[in-house]
Amino acid sequence: MALVGVGVAVAATAKRARWTPVRVEEESMDPTLPAGSLVAMSPLRGDPSFGSVVVVRRSDGTEHIKRIVATPGERFRVGAEEITLGEEQYAVAGDDRARSTDSRHYGPVAREEIVGVARACYWPPRSWRLFAR
């Protein structure tokens, strides 16, 4: 019964905060977000910060959940080359680097490609967590 109460509270909070559910389709965010997890995402307001878990919409229309690992002006390695991120450019990576296709492979992402920020993981229950703002 307590689990139902928690679920209702999460749903009410999500609706009030305009959170959108996103399913983690790949294993690149293990162990933070296992494949199949449901994450509440809110639209990005302002600039994302280092360590934020974000949803990136790539030019091919696919969306990926990744972590910000470098912000504008910082250096980041893409393959053998080290680059300095430009204004409004970010580097993203999965928490399980061995299984992640990310900025190390396709380069920086533009601020406009970051469509949302993760606020909470609410499924499965063992992965419940709130993400820092």
Protein backbone atom coordinates (compact mmCIF):
# COMPACT_ATOMS: atom_id res chain seq x y z
CA MET A 1 0.00 0.00 0.00
CA ALA A 2 2.88 2.37 0.79
CA LEU A 3 4.28 1.79 -2.71
CA VAL A 4 0.99 2.97 -4.23
CA GLY A 5 1.09 6.11 -2.06
CA VAL A 6 4.63 6.89 -3.19
CA GLY A 7 3.61 6.33 -6.81
CA VAL A 8 0.67 8.72 -6.49
CA ALA A 9 2.90 11.35 -4.85
CA VAL A 10 5.50 11.05 -7.63
CA ALA A 11 2.80 11.31 -10.32
CA ALA A 12 1.28 14.41 -8.70
CA THR A 13 4.69 16.07 -8.38
CA ALA A 14 5.57 15.20 -11.98
CA LYS A 15 2.33 16.68 -13.31
CA ARG A 16 2.71 19.88 -11.30
CA ALA A 17 6.36 20.28 -12.33
CA ARG A 18 5.62 19.49 -16.02
CA TRP A 19 7.95 16.51 -16.01
CA THR A 20 7.91 14.22 -19.04
CA PRO A 21 8.71 10.51 -18.81
CA VAL A 22 11.72 9.22 -20.75
CA ARG A 23 12.70 5.55 -20.99
CA VAL A 24 16.40 4.68 -20.86
CA GLU A 25 16.84 2.46 -23.91
CA GLU A 26 20.50 1.59 -23.65
CA GLU A 27 23.02 0.52 -21.02
CA SER A 28 25.32 3.52 -21.35
CA MET A 29 24.13 5.10 -18.08
CA ASP A 30 24.62 1.97 -15.92
CA PRO A 31 24.69 1.75 -12.96
CA THR A 32 23.04 5.15 -12.39
CA LEU A 33 20.19 4.45 -14.82
CA PRO A 34 19.85 0.81 -15.90
CA ALA A 35 18.32 0.04 -19.30
CA GLY A 36 14.52 0.16 -18.99
CA SER A 37 14.53 2.82 -16.27
CA LEU A 38 11.92 5.56 -16.40
CA VAL A 39 13.20 9.07 -15.80
CA ALA A 40 11.21 12.25 -15.23
CA MET A 41 12.63 14.98 -17.44
CA SER A 42 11.87 18.68 -17.38
CA PRO A 43 12.56 21.17 -20.16
CA LEU A 44 15.98 22.75 -19.81
CA ARG A 45 15.90 26.30 -18.52
CA GLY A 46 19.19 28.13 -18.40
CA ASP A 47 22.48 26.41 -18.99
CA PRO A 48 23.20 22.86 -17.84
CA SER A 49 25.99 22.41 -15.33
CA PHE A 50 28.81 19.92 -15.05
CA GLY A 51 27.46 16.57 -13.86
CA SER A 52 23.84 17.18 -14.90
CA VAL A 53 22.03 14.23 -16.48
CA VAL A 54 20.45 15.55 -19.67
CA VAL A 55 18.47 14.44 -22.71
CA VAL A 56 20.25 15.24 -25.96
CA ARG A 57 18.37 15.27 -29.26
CA ARG A 58 20.80 14.47 -32.06
CA SER A 59 20.40 15.74 -35.62
CA ASP A 60 19.01 12.34 -36.71
CA GLY A 61 16.09 12.85 -34.26
CA THR A 62 17.21 10.26 -31.71
CA GLU A 63 17.29 11.19 -28.04
CA HIS A 64 19.95 10.00 -25.61
CA ILE A 65 20.35 10.36 -21.87
CA LYS A 66 23.90 11.38 -20.99
CA ARG A 67 25.85 13.29 -18.35
CA ILE A 68 27.50 16.70 -18.93
CA VAL A 69 31.26 16.07 -18.59
CA ALA A 70 32.59 19.39 -19.92
CA THR A 71 31.09 22.87 -20.30
CA PRO A 72 31.83 25.83 -22.62
CA GLY A 73 35.49 26.85 -22.56
CA GLU A 74 36.73 23.56 -21.09
CA ARG A 75 38.98 21.08 -22.86
CA PHE A 76 37.69 17.72 -23.95
CA ARG A 77 39.27 14.78 -25.79
CA VAL A 78 37.61 13.54 -29.00
CA GLY A 79 39.56 10.50 -30.14
CA ALA A 80 43.25 11.46 -30.24
CA GLU A 81 42.47 15.19 -30.49
CA GLU A 82 41.95 17.53 -27.56
CA ILE A 83 39.57 20.39 -28.30
CA THR A 84 38.39 23.43 -26.40
CA LEU A 85 34.63 23.65 -26.29
CA GLY A 86 33.20 26.79 -27.84
CA GLU A 87 30.47 29.03 -26.54
CA GLU A 88 27.24 27.04 -26.10
CA GLN A 89 29.05 23.70 -26.63
CA TYR A 90 29.00 20.81 -24.17
CA ALA A 91 30.57 17.38 -23.98
CA VAL A 92 28.37 14.51 -22.83
CA ALA A 93 29.15 10.91 -21.90
CA GLY A 94 27.40 7.89 -20.49
CA ASP A 95 28.29 6.75 -16.98
CA ASP A 96 29.36 3.37 -18.40
CA ARG A 97 31.98 4.75 -20.78
CA ALA A 98 32.71 1.33 -22.33
CA ARG A 99 29.09 1.02 -23.57
CA SER A 100 28.47 4.66 -24.43
CA THR A 101 28.47 6.40 -27.78
CA ASP A 102 28.85 10.05 -26.86
CA SER A 103 30.89 13.21 -27.40
CA ARG A 104 34.08 11.15 -27.50
CA HIS A 105 32.71 9.70 -30.75
CA TYR A 106 30.60 12.45 -32.30
CA GLY A 107 32.10 15.59 -30.77
CA PRO A 108 30.52 18.40 -28.79
CA VAL A 109 26.78 18.99 -28.63
CA ALA A 110 25.27 22.42 -29.06
CA ARG A 111 23.21 23.93 -26.25
CA GLU A 112 20.14 23.76 -28.51
CA GLU A 113 20.53 19.95 -28.77
CA ILE A 114 20.05 19.60 -25.00
CA VAL A 115 16.29 19.42 -24.69
CA GLY A 116 15.81 18.46 -21.07
CA VAL A 117 17.32 17.65 -17.73
CA ALA A 118 16.63 14.57 -15.62
CA ARG A 119 14.88 15.34 -12.33
CA ALA A 120 14.11 11.88 -10.94
CA CYS A 121 14.36 8.20 -11.74
CA TYR A 122 11.13 6.54 -10.65
CA TRP A 123 11.35 3.05 -12.14
CA PRO A 124 12.48 0.46 -11.23
CA PRO A 125 12.00 1.03 -7.50
CA ARG A 126 15.59 0.01 -6.67
CA SER A 127 16.82 2.89 -8.86
CA TRP A 128 14.60 5.63 -7.39
CA ARG A 129 16.53 8.85 -6.96
CA LEU A 130 16.28 12.59 -7.36
CA PHE A 131 18.91 14.36 -9.41
CA ALA A 132 20.59 17.55 -8.22
CA ARG A 133 19.33 20.73 -9.79
